[in-house]
Amino acid sequence: MKKGFKLVSVVLTVVLMIFFFGMPSTVAQEAKQSVSDRGKLVYEFDDGSKVTVMHASPGSVLLGFGGPDKCEENAEIKENIVLQKIGWPIN
């Protein structure tokens, strides 16, 4: 019985380590919120990229992306981070 628990513990530890170290760096980044000169919310990430909330109303959100990070996976993660910050439900 103890061997079974030890094996499960080792497997879970390895899976968590793979998950943690395999995540894109964006997940660990904190989005810093500011307001642009046109009154739009801007979220800046550590890699220099920005996500701007161009429009947000019930039923629709329009986000603008900019900066050096062109990775589609990182853009999706950043989008989810910003949507959570503005209180938008994520599927």
Protein backbone atom coordinates (compact mmCIF):
# COMPACT_ATOMS: atom_id res chain seq x y z
CA MET A 1 0.00 0.00 0.00
CA LYS A 2 2.82 2.43 0.85
CA LYS A 3 4.50 1.64 -2.48
CA GLY A 4 1.32 2.61 -4.31
CA PHE A 5 1.09 5.97 -2.54
CA LYS A 6 4.76 6.64 -3.16
CA LEU A 7 4.40 5.83 -6.86
CA VAL A 8 1.35 8.10 -7.18
CA SER A 9 3.21 10.86 -5.35
CA VAL A 10 6.23 10.60 -7.66
CA VAL A 11 4.05 10.55 -10.78
CA LEU A 12 2.07 13.61 -9.65
CA THR A 13 5.28 15.47 -8.81
CA VAL A 14 6.72 14.75 -12.26
CA VAL A 15 3.49 15.78 -14.00
CA LEU A 16 3.32 19.04 -12.03
CA MET A 17 6.96 19.83 -12.82
CA ILE A 18 6.40 19.21 -16.53
CA PHE A 19 3.30 21.38 -16.43
CA PHE A 20 5.03 24.18 -14.50
CA PHE A 21 8.24 24.31 -16.54
CA GLY A 22 6.47 23.70 -19.86
CA MET A 23 4.20 26.75 -19.49
CA PRO A 24 4.93 29.74 -21.66
CA SER A 25 6.57 32.59 -19.80
CA THR A 26 3.47 34.74 -20.22
CA VAL A 27 1.59 32.86 -17.52
CA ALA A 28 4.07 34.01 -14.90
CA GLN A 29 3.85 37.60 -16.07
CA GLU A 30 1.68 40.13 -14.36
CA ALA A 31 -0.22 42.52 -16.57
CA LYS A 32 0.33 46.11 -15.49
CA GLN A 33 -2.78 48.20 -16.11
CA SER A 34 -2.65 51.77 -17.32
CA VAL A 35 -4.97 54.14 -19.17
CA SER A 36 -4.02 55.41 -22.62
CA ASP A 37 -4.33 59.04 -23.68
CA ARG A 38 -7.65 58.10 -25.35
CA GLY A 39 -9.06 56.64 -22.15
CA LYS A 40 -8.65 52.98 -23.14
CA LEU A 41 -7.36 50.37 -20.71
CA VAL A 42 -3.88 49.13 -21.61
CA TYR A 43 -2.26 46.03 -20.07
CA GLU A 44 1.52 45.86 -20.44
CA PHE A 45 3.47 42.60 -20.05
CA ASP A 46 7.09 42.02 -19.04
CA ASP A 47 8.10 41.05 -22.60
CA GLY A 48 7.12 44.50 -23.90
CA SER A 49 3.83 43.48 -25.46
CA LYS A 50 0.56 45.29 -24.79
CA VAL A 51 -3.10 44.36 -24.90
CA THR A 52 -5.53 47.28 -25.23
CA VAL A 53 -9.23 47.01 -24.44
CA MET A 54 -10.60 48.88 -27.45
CA HIS A 55 -14.26 48.24 -26.62
CA ALA A 56 -16.09 46.34 -23.89
CA SER A 57 -19.85 46.14 -23.60
CA PRO A 58 -22.31 43.39 -22.69
CA GLY A 59 -21.86 40.67 -25.29
CA SER A 60 -18.72 42.00 -26.98
CA VAL A 61 -15.08 42.78 -26.30
CA LEU A 62 -12.54 44.12 -28.79
CA LEU A 63 -8.88 43.77 -27.85
CA GLY A 64 -5.84 45.21 -29.64
CA PHE A 65 -2.46 43.46 -29.48
CA GLY A 66 0.96 45.00 -29.95
CA GLY A 67 4.60 44.45 -29.17
CA PRO A 68 7.42 42.06 -30.00
CA ASP A 69 5.78 38.76 -28.95
CA LYS A 70 4.10 37.29 -32.03
CA CYS A 71 3.48 33.81 -30.56
CA GLU A 72 -0.19 32.90 -31.04
CA GLU A 73 -0.24 30.73 -27.89
CA ASN A 74 1.13 33.58 -25.78
CA ALA A 75 -1.39 35.99 -27.32
CA GLU A 76 -4.23 33.68 -26.30
CA ILE A 77 -2.87 33.45 -22.75
CA LYS A 78 -2.52 37.24 -22.56
CA GLU A 79 -6.05 37.62 -23.89
CA ASN A 80 -7.36 35.35 -21.12
CA ILE A 81 -5.40 37.27 -18.46
CA VAL A 82 -6.87 40.59 -19.64
CA LEU A 83 -10.39 39.17 -19.89
CA GLN A 84 -10.13 37.90 -16.31
CA LYS A 85 -8.91 41.30 -15.14
CA ILE A 86 -11.88 43.11 -16.69
CA GLY A 87 -14.26 40.52 -15.24
CA TRP A 88 -15.21 38.85 -18.51
CA PRO A 89 -16.30 35.17 -18.46
CA ILE A 90 -13.81 32.82 -20.14
CA ASN A 91 -14.92 29.60 -21.83
